[in-house]
């Protein structure tokens, strides 16, 4: 099933003073990880996903002043399933 290469699924600004750190957590729902299939149904499918946190928008060619970009990959398994509208 073709899927979107990049998708913003959430946003929260975390302002920090110089030298300060903060933990941030979030949960991705099946709806946020779903796509529309060829029949027009919203489907959550197994596969490999890359989560990226921080930095700037994709394709931005300027210098990032927002700090490091963190990323991690995870996989889901099983059968694809249709989500209720």
N, C-alpha and C. Protein backbone atom coordinates (compact mmCIF):
# COMPACT_ATOMS: atom_id res chain seq x y z
N UNK A 1 0.85 -1.18 0.00
CA UNK A 1 0.00 0.00 0.00
C UNK A 1 0.89 1.24 0.00
N UNK A 2 0.73 2.15 -0.95
CA UNK A 2 1.52 3.38 -0.97
C UNK A 2 1.20 4.24 0.25
N UNK A 3 2.22 4.82 0.85
CA UNK A 3 2.02 5.68 2.01
C UNK A 3 2.76 7.00 1.84
N UNK A 4 2.38 7.97 2.64
CA UNK A 4 3.03 9.27 2.65
C UNK A 4 4.45 9.12 3.18
N UNK A 5 5.41 9.74 2.51
CA UNK A 5 6.80 9.66 2.97
C UNK A 5 7.01 10.38 4.29
N UNK A 6 6.41 11.56 4.41
CA UNK A 6 6.54 12.34 5.64
C UNK A 6 5.17 12.87 6.03
N UNK A 7 4.90 12.81 7.33
CA UNK A 7 3.60 13.28 7.79
C UNK A 7 3.75 13.85 9.19
N UNK A 8 3.31 15.08 9.38
CA UNK A 8 3.31 15.68 10.70
C UNK A 8 2.12 15.13 11.47
N UNK A 9 2.38 14.44 12.57
CA UNK A 9 1.28 13.84 13.33
C UNK A 9 1.08 14.51 14.67
N UNK A 10 1.93 15.43 15.02
CA UNK A 10 1.77 16.14 16.27
C UNK A 10 2.80 17.24 16.38
N UNK A 11 2.52 18.21 17.23
CA UNK A 11 3.45 19.31 17.41
C UNK A 11 3.30 19.88 18.80
N UNK A 12 4.41 20.08 19.47
CA UNK A 12 4.40 20.76 20.76
C UNK A 12 5.71 21.53 20.87
N UNK A 13 5.63 22.80 21.15
CA UNK A 13 6.84 23.61 21.31
C UNK A 13 7.36 23.40 22.73
N UNK A 14 8.65 23.13 22.84
CA UNK A 14 9.29 22.96 24.14
C UNK A 14 10.41 24.00 24.24
N UNK A 15 10.16 25.08 24.93
CA UNK A 15 11.16 26.14 25.09
C UNK A 15 12.10 25.80 26.22
N UNK A 16 13.39 25.93 25.94
CA UNK A 16 14.41 25.61 26.94
C UNK A 16 15.43 26.73 27.03
N UNK A 17 15.89 26.98 28.23
CA UNK A 17 16.98 27.93 28.42
C UNK A 17 18.29 27.23 28.05
N UNK A 18 19.31 27.99 27.80
CA UNK A 18 20.61 27.43 27.45
C UNK A 18 21.08 26.46 28.54
N UNK A 19 21.44 25.24 28.14
CA UNK A 19 21.92 24.24 29.08
C UNK A 19 20.82 23.43 29.75
N UNK A 20 19.59 23.81 29.57
CA UNK A 20 18.46 23.12 30.19
C UNK A 20 18.05 21.93 29.33
N UNK A 21 17.55 20.88 29.97
CA UNK A 21 17.02 19.73 29.23
C UNK A 21 15.62 19.40 29.74
N UNK A 22 14.90 18.63 28.95
CA UNK A 22 13.53 18.28 29.31
C UNK A 22 13.14 16.99 28.59
N UNK A 23 12.43 16.12 29.27
CA UNK A 23 11.92 14.90 28.64
C UNK A 23 10.56 15.20 28.03
N UNK A 24 10.34 14.66 26.85
CA UNK A 24 9.07 14.81 26.16
C UNK A 24 8.63 13.43 25.72
N UNK A 25 7.37 13.09 25.91
CA UNK A 25 6.87 11.80 25.45
C UNK A 25 5.59 12.00 24.65
N UNK A 26 5.29 11.04 23.80
CA UNK A 26 4.08 11.10 23.00
C UNK A 26 3.69 9.68 22.60
N UNK A 27 2.45 9.52 22.22
CA UNK A 27 1.92 8.25 21.76
C UNK A 27 1.38 8.43 20.35
N UNK A 28 1.70 7.51 19.45
CA UNK A 28 1.15 7.53 18.11
C UNK A 28 -0.03 6.57 18.06
N UNK A 29 -1.18 7.06 17.67
CA UNK A 29 -2.38 6.23 17.59
C UNK A 29 -2.42 5.50 16.24
N UNK A 30 -3.22 4.45 16.13
CA UNK A 30 -3.38 3.79 14.83
C UNK A 30 -3.84 4.76 13.75
N UNK A 31 -4.70 5.70 14.09
CA UNK A 31 -5.17 6.68 13.12
C UNK A 31 -4.02 7.52 12.58
N UNK A 32 -3.08 7.89 13.45
CA UNK A 32 -1.95 8.70 13.03
C UNK A 32 -0.97 7.91 12.15
N UNK A 33 -1.01 6.61 12.25
CA UNK A 33 -0.10 5.77 11.47
C UNK A 33 -0.81 5.10 10.29
N UNK A 34 -2.01 5.54 9.97
CA UNK A 34 -2.78 4.91 8.91
C UNK A 34 -2.66 5.69 7.60
N UNK A 35 -3.15 5.07 6.54
CA UNK A 35 -3.16 5.69 5.22
C UNK A 35 -4.45 5.29 4.53
N UNK A 36 -4.78 5.99 3.47
CA UNK A 36 -5.96 5.67 2.67
C UNK A 36 -5.53 4.70 1.57
N UNK A 37 -6.20 3.55 1.48
CA UNK A 37 -5.84 2.57 0.46
C UNK A 37 -6.52 2.89 -0.88
N UNK A 38 -6.28 2.05 -1.87
CA UNK A 38 -6.82 2.29 -3.22
C UNK A 38 -8.34 2.26 -3.27
N UNK A 39 -8.98 1.62 -2.29
CA UNK A 39 -10.43 1.58 -2.23
C UNK A 39 -11.01 2.75 -1.43
N UNK A 40 -10.15 3.66 -0.96
CA UNK A 40 -10.60 4.82 -0.21
C UNK A 40 -10.86 4.54 1.26
N UNK A 41 -10.37 3.41 1.77
CA UNK A 41 -10.57 3.06 3.17
C UNK A 41 -9.31 3.39 3.97
N UNK A 42 -9.51 3.87 5.21
CA UNK A 42 -8.38 4.16 6.10
C UNK A 42 -7.90 2.85 6.69
N UNK A 43 -6.61 2.54 6.45
CA UNK A 43 -6.04 1.26 6.84
C UNK A 43 -4.74 1.48 7.61
N UNK A 44 -4.57 0.73 8.69
CA UNK A 44 -3.30 0.70 9.42
C UNK A 44 -2.60 -0.58 8.96
N UNK A 45 -1.40 -0.44 8.44
CA UNK A 45 -0.69 -1.58 7.87
C UNK A 45 0.62 -1.82 8.60
N UNK A 46 1.05 -3.08 8.65
CA UNK A 46 2.34 -3.37 9.25
C UNK A 46 3.46 -2.80 8.38
N UNK A 47 4.57 -2.50 9.00
CA UNK A 47 5.70 -1.98 8.23
C UNK A 47 6.73 -1.33 9.13
N UNK A 48 7.71 -0.72 8.48
CA UNK A 48 8.80 -0.04 9.17
C UNK A 48 8.50 1.46 9.19
N UNK A 49 8.65 2.09 10.35
CA UNK A 49 8.36 3.51 10.53
C UNK A 49 9.56 4.22 11.13
N UNK A 50 9.79 5.44 10.69
CA UNK A 50 10.85 6.28 11.23
C UNK A 50 10.21 7.47 11.90
N UNK A 51 10.52 7.68 13.18
CA UNK A 51 10.01 8.83 13.93
C UNK A 51 11.17 9.81 14.08
N UNK A 52 10.91 11.07 13.73
CA UNK A 52 11.93 12.12 13.82
C UNK A 52 11.39 13.22 14.72
N UNK A 53 12.21 13.66 15.67
CA UNK A 53 11.82 14.69 16.62
C UNK A 53 12.88 15.79 16.59
N UNK A 54 12.42 17.04 16.46
CA UNK A 54 13.33 18.17 16.50
C UNK A 54 13.74 18.62 15.11
N UNK A 55 14.59 19.62 15.08
CA UNK A 55 15.08 20.13 13.79
C UNK A 55 14.09 21.06 13.13
N UNK A 56 14.14 21.07 11.81
CA UNK A 56 13.28 21.95 11.01
C UNK A 56 12.44 21.10 10.07
N UNK A 57 11.63 21.76 9.30
CA UNK A 57 10.77 21.03 8.36
C UNK A 57 11.62 20.33 7.30
N UNK A 58 11.15 19.20 6.76
CA UNK A 58 11.89 18.49 5.72
C UNK A 58 12.14 19.39 4.51
N UNK A 59 13.32 19.31 3.94
CA UNK A 59 13.66 20.08 2.77
C UNK A 59 14.18 21.47 3.06
N UNK A 60 14.20 21.89 4.34
CA UNK A 60 14.68 23.21 4.71
C UNK A 60 16.19 23.24 4.51
N UNK A 61 16.69 24.21 3.74
CA UNK A 61 18.12 24.25 3.42
C UNK A 61 18.91 25.20 4.31
N UNK A 62 18.26 25.94 5.17
CA UNK A 62 18.96 26.85 6.07
C UNK A 62 19.55 26.12 7.26
N UNK A 63 20.23 26.86 8.11
CA UNK A 63 20.85 26.28 9.30
C UNK A 63 19.81 26.14 10.40
N UNK A 64 19.78 24.99 11.04
CA UNK A 64 18.83 24.76 12.13
C UNK A 64 19.39 25.35 13.42
N UNK A 65 18.58 26.15 14.09
CA UNK A 65 18.98 26.69 15.38
C UNK A 65 18.19 26.03 16.50
N UNK A 66 17.43 25.00 16.16
CA UNK A 66 16.55 24.39 17.15
C UNK A 66 17.18 23.21 17.86
N UNK A 67 18.45 22.96 17.65
CA UNK A 67 19.12 21.88 18.36
C UNK A 67 19.16 20.59 17.57
N UNK A 68 19.55 19.52 18.24
CA UNK A 68 19.75 18.24 17.54
C UNK A 68 18.43 17.62 17.09
N UNK A 69 18.53 16.79 16.08
CA UNK A 69 17.40 16.03 15.58
C UNK A 69 17.56 14.60 16.09
N UNK A 70 16.53 14.08 16.71
CA UNK A 70 16.54 12.71 17.22
C UNK A 70 15.63 11.86 16.36
N UNK A 71 16.04 10.62 16.11
CA UNK A 71 15.19 9.74 15.32
C UNK A 71 15.36 8.30 15.78
N UNK A 72 14.35 7.50 15.51
CA UNK A 72 14.40 6.07 15.81
C UNK A 72 13.43 5.37 14.88
N UNK A 73 13.75 4.15 14.54
CA UNK A 73 12.92 3.35 13.65
C UNK A 73 12.27 2.22 14.45
N UNK A 74 11.02 1.92 14.13
CA UNK A 74 10.36 0.78 14.75
C UNK A 74 9.51 0.08 13.71
N UNK A 75 9.14 -1.15 13.98
CA UNK A 75 8.34 -1.93 13.05
C UNK A 75 7.09 -2.44 13.72
N UNK A 76 6.02 -2.53 12.94
CA UNK A 76 4.80 -3.15 13.41
C UNK A 76 4.58 -4.41 12.59
N UNK A 77 3.94 -5.39 13.18
CA UNK A 77 3.74 -6.67 12.51
C UNK A 77 2.27 -7.04 12.52
N UNK A 78 1.93 -8.07 11.81
CA UNK A 78 0.54 -8.55 11.77
C UNK A 78 -0.10 -8.22 10.45
N UNK A 79 -1.41 -8.28 10.43
CA UNK A 79 -2.19 -8.00 9.23
C UNK A 79 -2.64 -6.53 9.21
N UNK A 80 -2.80 -6.00 8.01
CA UNK A 80 -3.38 -4.67 7.89
C UNK A 80 -4.84 -4.74 8.35
N UNK A 81 -5.33 -3.65 8.94
CA UNK A 81 -6.73 -3.62 9.35
C UNK A 81 -7.34 -2.29 9.03
N UNK A 82 -8.64 -2.33 8.73
CA UNK A 82 -9.38 -1.13 8.39
C UNK A 82 -9.82 -0.44 9.67
N UNK A 83 -9.65 0.87 9.72
CA UNK A 83 -10.09 1.65 10.86
C UNK A 83 -11.50 2.15 10.61
N UNK A 84 -12.28 2.24 11.63
CA UNK A 84 -13.65 2.74 11.50
C UNK A 84 -13.61 4.23 11.18
N UNK A 85 -14.53 4.68 10.30
CA UNK A 85 -14.56 6.13 9.98
C UNK A 85 -15.01 6.97 11.14
